[in-house]
Amino acid sequence: MTIYLPQLSDDPALFPNVEQALGDPDGLLAMGGNLSPERIYNAYQQGIFPWFSEGEPLLWWSPRERATIRAGQVHISKSMKRFINKSDLTVTVNYNFIEVIKACAKPRTTQAETWITVEMINAYIELHTLGLAHSIEVWSENRLVGGLYGICVGKLFCGESMFSQMNNSSKLAFIALNQHFQSVGGKLIDCQMQTDHLQSLGVTTTSRADFIKNVVKYQQHSLQKDCWKKQSIIIN
């Protein structure tokens, strides 16, 4: 079967309308372009994200359903509450973005390769330097054991990936993000694709059309000043 995909132009702001995305594979919208900060940020502003493997063309996606959660609505199970109360793990914001994205890029036991290529790592580190990409870190004493990273677009946080090197550490990072994001005026967290792990934390799916409406609405507003400065997070 032949698949036709639009080739992106040199203009970093131009993407096809998301309604033109393919149904199979779900959400595949375009190919090409580059991973400049301008292009990546423009993509998120239009409900689009890059996702490709080493050796593949640069691919851009906007699936029919989007996994999202309202800020402040994270589900904390009874067992997780007990874990939080007893745990001596600490959580921080933007203490070590580079190590978080590198940890997220490592292959998992369930997959042989990673989609977070060296090119992707360098692009998101540049976005972090520009104050657009942020990380949540979970520490056991001085050892990084969990975390996540993503892009903030106004009052929308677009999560990219998370990792865990200790039981419940990625859940702890996600709970911390959700609570912190609400406390600084954030409204919605985009998790891209639904998983059992995310569903257990209260993430639900919404249609692409409804998600795009929220993207347009929330990117027009700002969070509290200095909300992404280096800091510790206390989970409620």
Protein backbone atom coordinates (compact mmCIF):
# COMPACT_ATOMS: atom_id res chain seq x y z
CA MET A 1 0.00 0.00 0.00
CA THR A 2 1.36 3.41 -1.00
CA ILE A 3 1.03 6.21 1.55
CA TYR A 4 1.18 9.83 0.43
CA LEU A 5 2.54 12.26 3.01
CA PRO A 6 2.94 16.00 2.58
CA GLN A 7 6.55 17.16 2.69
CA LEU A 8 7.03 20.13 5.02
CA SER A 9 8.32 23.37 3.51
CA ASP A 10 11.17 25.50 4.84
CA ASP A 11 8.68 27.66 6.77
CA PRO A 12 8.76 26.33 10.37
CA ALA A 13 5.20 27.53 11.04
CA LEU A 14 3.51 25.68 8.18
CA PHE A 15 1.93 22.27 8.82
CA PRO A 16 -1.01 20.56 7.08
CA ASN A 17 -4.38 20.81 8.81
CA VAL A 18 -4.53 18.07 11.45
CA GLU A 19 -7.79 16.79 9.94
CA GLN A 20 -5.71 15.59 6.99
CA ALA A 21 -3.84 13.10 9.21
CA LEU A 22 -4.05 9.47 8.15
CA GLY A 23 -6.30 6.97 9.86
CA ASP A 24 -3.75 4.18 9.34
CA PRO A 25 -1.27 4.66 10.80
CA ASP A 26 -3.40 6.75 13.09
CA GLY A 27 -2.42 10.38 13.16
CA LEU A 28 0.48 10.39 10.69
CA LEU A 29 0.33 13.87 9.19
CA ALA A 30 3.52 14.90 7.43
CA MET A 31 7.20 14.22 6.96
CA GLY A 32 10.42 16.17 6.61
CA GLY A 33 11.42 19.57 7.84
CA ASN A 34 13.81 19.74 10.76
CA LEU A 35 13.86 19.81 14.55
CA SER A 36 14.55 23.50 15.00
CA PRO A 37 13.07 25.03 18.18
CA GLU A 38 10.74 27.18 16.05
CA ARG A 39 9.33 24.23 14.13
CA ILE A 40 8.87 22.00 17.19
CA TYR A 41 7.16 24.74 19.20
CA ASN A 42 4.93 25.66 16.26
CA ALA A 43 3.97 22.00 15.99
CA TYR A 44 2.83 21.83 19.62
CA GLN A 45 0.86 25.04 19.15
CA GLN A 46 -1.10 23.20 16.44
CA GLY A 47 -1.58 19.92 18.34
CA ILE A 48 1.20 18.12 16.45
CA PHE A 49 4.28 16.29 17.73
CA PRO A 50 7.36 14.64 16.15
CA TRP A 51 7.84 10.89 16.51
CA PHE A 52 10.21 8.73 14.50
CA SER A 53 12.87 6.08 14.96
CA GLU A 54 16.56 6.14 14.08
CA GLY A 55 17.01 5.83 10.32
CA GLU A 56 13.43 6.92 9.52
CA PRO A 57 12.38 10.23 7.95
CA LEU A 58 11.26 12.91 10.40
CA LEU A 59 7.54 12.20 10.96
CA TRP A 60 4.83 14.45 12.47
CA TRP A 61 1.65 13.18 14.15
CA SER A 62 -1.78 14.23 15.41
CA PRO A 63 -3.83 11.13 16.34
CA ARG A 64 -7.63 10.96 16.30
CA GLU A 65 -7.76 10.57 20.08
CA ARG A 66 -5.53 12.37 22.55
CA ALA A 67 -4.68 11.26 26.08
CA THR A 68 -5.09 14.23 28.44
CA ILE A 69 -5.70 15.10 32.07
CA ARG A 70 -6.90 18.29 33.71
CA ALA A 71 -4.40 19.87 36.06
CA GLY A 72 -5.24 18.94 39.64
CA GLN A 73 -7.26 15.86 38.69
CA VAL A 74 -4.54 13.22 38.99
CA HIS A 75 -5.73 9.99 40.62
CA ILE A 76 -3.67 8.84 43.59
CA SER A 77 -4.54 5.29 44.64
CA LYS A 78 -4.60 4.24 48.30
CA SER A 79 -1.42 2.23 47.83
CA MET A 80 0.27 5.20 46.16
CA LYS A 81 -0.80 7.47 49.01
CA ARG A 82 0.81 5.05 51.47
CA PHE A 83 3.95 5.00 49.34
CA ILE A 84 4.12 8.81 49.26
CA ASN A 85 3.61 9.07 53.02
CA LYS A 86 6.40 6.59 53.75
CA SER A 87 8.80 7.51 50.96
CA ASP A 88 11.96 9.55 51.42
CA LEU A 89 12.18 10.32 47.69
CA THR A 90 12.36 14.00 46.76
CA VAL A 91 10.98 15.75 43.67
CA THR A 92 12.39 18.79 41.86
CA VAL A 93 11.70 20.98 38.82
CA ASN A 94 14.34 21.63 36.14
CA TYR A 95 17.28 20.48 38.24
CA ASN A 96 18.72 18.21 35.54
CA PHE A 97 16.83 18.26 32.26
CA ILE A 98 19.69 16.70 30.31
CA GLU A 99 19.95 13.62 32.50
CA VAL A 100 16.16 13.17 32.48
CA ILE A 101 15.87 13.16 28.69
CA LYS A 102 18.89 10.85 28.39
CA ALA A 103 17.31 8.45 30.88
CA CYS A 104 14.02 8.57 28.95
CA ALA A 105 15.95 7.71 25.78
CA LYS A 106 17.37 4.47 27.11
CA PRO A 107 15.69 1.31 25.71
CA ARG A 108 13.06 -0.27 27.97
CA THR A 109 12.64 -3.94 28.81
CA THR A 110 9.51 -3.96 26.63
CA GLN A 111 11.16 -2.44 23.56
CA ALA A 112 14.46 -2.94 21.77
CA GLU A 113 14.95 0.62 20.59
CA THR A 114 14.05 4.19 21.48
CA TRP A 115 12.39 6.91 19.43
CA ILE A 116 14.31 9.57 21.37
CA THR A 117 17.25 9.84 19.00
CA VAL A 118 20.39 11.90 19.52
CA GLU A 119 18.86 14.48 17.17
CA MET A 120 15.73 14.64 19.34
CA ILE A 121 17.77 14.91 22.54
CA ASN A 122 19.78 17.84 21.20
CA ALA A 123 16.64 19.59 19.93
CA TYR A 124 14.83 19.37 23.27
CA ILE A 125 17.91 20.42 25.21
CA GLU A 126 17.94 23.54 23.04
CA LEU A 127 14.24 24.08 23.81
CA HIS A 128 15.06 23.74 27.51
CA THR A 129 17.81 26.34 27.19
CA LEU A 130 15.22 28.67 25.63
CA GLY A 131 12.89 28.13 28.60
CA LEU A 132 10.31 26.13 26.63
CA ALA A 133 11.03 22.54 27.74
CA HIS A 134 10.98 21.44 31.38
CA SER A 135 11.69 18.41 33.52
CA ILE A 136 10.49 16.86 36.75
CA GLU A 137 13.09 14.82 38.65
CA VAL A 138 12.68 12.20 41.36
CA TRP A 139 15.68 11.61 43.60
CA SER A 140 16.76 8.95 46.06
CA GLU A 141 19.28 10.95 48.04
CA ASN A 142 21.55 12.23 45.22
CA ARG A 143 20.61 9.60 42.64
CA LEU A 144 18.15 10.37 39.84
CA VAL A 145 15.62 7.50 39.85
CA GLY A 146 12.67 8.83 37.87
CA GLY A 147 11.34 11.77 35.95
CA LEU A 148 9.63 13.19 32.89
CA TYR A 149 9.97 16.07 30.45
CA GLY A 150 7.82 18.04 28.06
CA ILE A 151 6.99 21.38 26.46
CA CYS A 152 4.89 24.12 28.03
CA VAL A 153 2.59 26.05 25.67
CA GLY A 154 0.79 28.68 27.73
CA LYS A 155 -1.40 26.81 30.21
CA LEU A 156 -0.95 23.51 28.36
CA PHE A 157 1.87 21.11 29.22
CA CYS A 158 2.73 18.64 26.45
CA GLY A 159 4.35 15.62 28.08
CA GLU A 160 6.90 13.77 25.99
CA SER A 161 8.31 10.87 27.97
CA MET A 162 8.94 9.56 31.47
CA PHE A 163 11.26 7.00 33.01
CA SER A 164 11.49 4.97 36.20
CA GLN A 165 14.46 3.28 37.82
CA MET A 166 12.65 2.59 41.08
CA ASN A 167 9.12 1.40 41.85
CA ASN A 168 6.56 4.21 41.58
CA SER A 169 9.13 6.89 40.71
CA SER A 170 7.57 7.80 37.36
CA LYS A 171 4.13 7.89 38.98
CA LEU A 172 5.54 10.22 41.61
CA ALA A 173 6.94 12.49 38.89
CA PHE A 174 3.58 12.60 37.10
CA ILE A 175 1.65 13.33 40.29
CA ALA A 176 4.11 16.10 41.14
CA LEU A 177 3.78 17.63 37.66
CA ASN A 178 -0.01 17.57 37.85
CA GLN A 179 -0.16 19.23 41.25
CA HIS A 180 2.58 21.77 40.50
CA PHE A 181 1.05 22.69 37.15
CA GLN A 182 -2.32 23.36 38.78
CA SER A 183 -0.71 25.47 41.51
CA VAL A 184 0.85 27.84 38.96
CA GLY A 185 -2.29 28.25 36.85
CA GLY A 186 -1.91 25.38 34.38
CA LYS A 187 -5.06 23.83 32.93
CA LEU A 188 -4.34 20.74 30.83
CA ILE A 189 -1.60 18.12 30.43
CA ASP A 190 -1.26 16.37 27.07
CA CYS A 191 0.03 12.79 27.33
CA GLN A 192 -0.27 12.06 23.59
CA MET A 193 -1.16 8.33 23.58
CA GLN A 194 -3.11 6.47 26.27
CA THR A 195 -1.46 3.64 28.22
CA ASP A 196 -2.55 1.52 31.18
CA HIS A 197 0.05 3.32 33.29
CA LEU A 198 -1.39 6.74 32.44
CA GLN A 199 -4.99 5.55 32.77
CA SER A 200 -4.29 4.42 36.33
CA LEU A 201 -3.31 8.02 37.11
CA GLY A 202 -6.56 9.46 35.81
CA VAL A 203 -5.63 10.20 32.19
CA THR A 204 -8.57 9.99 29.78
CA THR A 205 -8.93 10.31 26.01
CA THR A 206 -10.56 13.10 24.05
CA SER A 207 -11.18 13.65 20.36
CA ARG A 208 -8.63 15.46 18.25
CA ALA A 209 -11.13 18.24 17.56
CA ASP A 210 -11.77 18.88 21.27
CA PHE A 211 -8.06 18.70 22.03
CA ILE A 212 -7.25 21.28 19.34
CA LYS A 213 -9.90 23.61 20.78
CA ASN A 214 -8.14 23.40 24.14
CA VAL A 215 -4.74 23.95 22.54
CA VAL A 216 -6.00 27.14 20.90
CA LYS A 217 -7.63 28.33 24.14
CA TYR A 218 -4.87 27.62 26.62
CA GLN A 219 -1.85 28.73 24.61
CA GLN A 220 -3.12 32.30 24.78
CA HIS A 221 -2.55 32.55 28.55
CA SER A 222 0.51 32.62 30.79
CA LEU A 223 1.41 30.76 33.96
CA GLN A 224 2.65 32.38 37.14
CA LYS A 225 6.00 34.10 36.82
CA ASP A 226 9.04 31.96 37.69
CA CYS A 227 6.92 28.80 37.87
CA TRP A 228 9.64 26.81 36.08
CA LYS A 229 12.57 28.04 38.14
CA LYS A 230 14.59 25.35 39.91
CA GLN A 231 12.62 24.28 42.97
CA SER A 232 11.48 21.37 45.09
CA ILE A 233 7.90 20.06 44.98
CA ILE A 234 5.95 18.84 47.97
CA ILE A 235 3.19 16.39 47.01
CA ASN A 236 -0.14 16.82 48.77
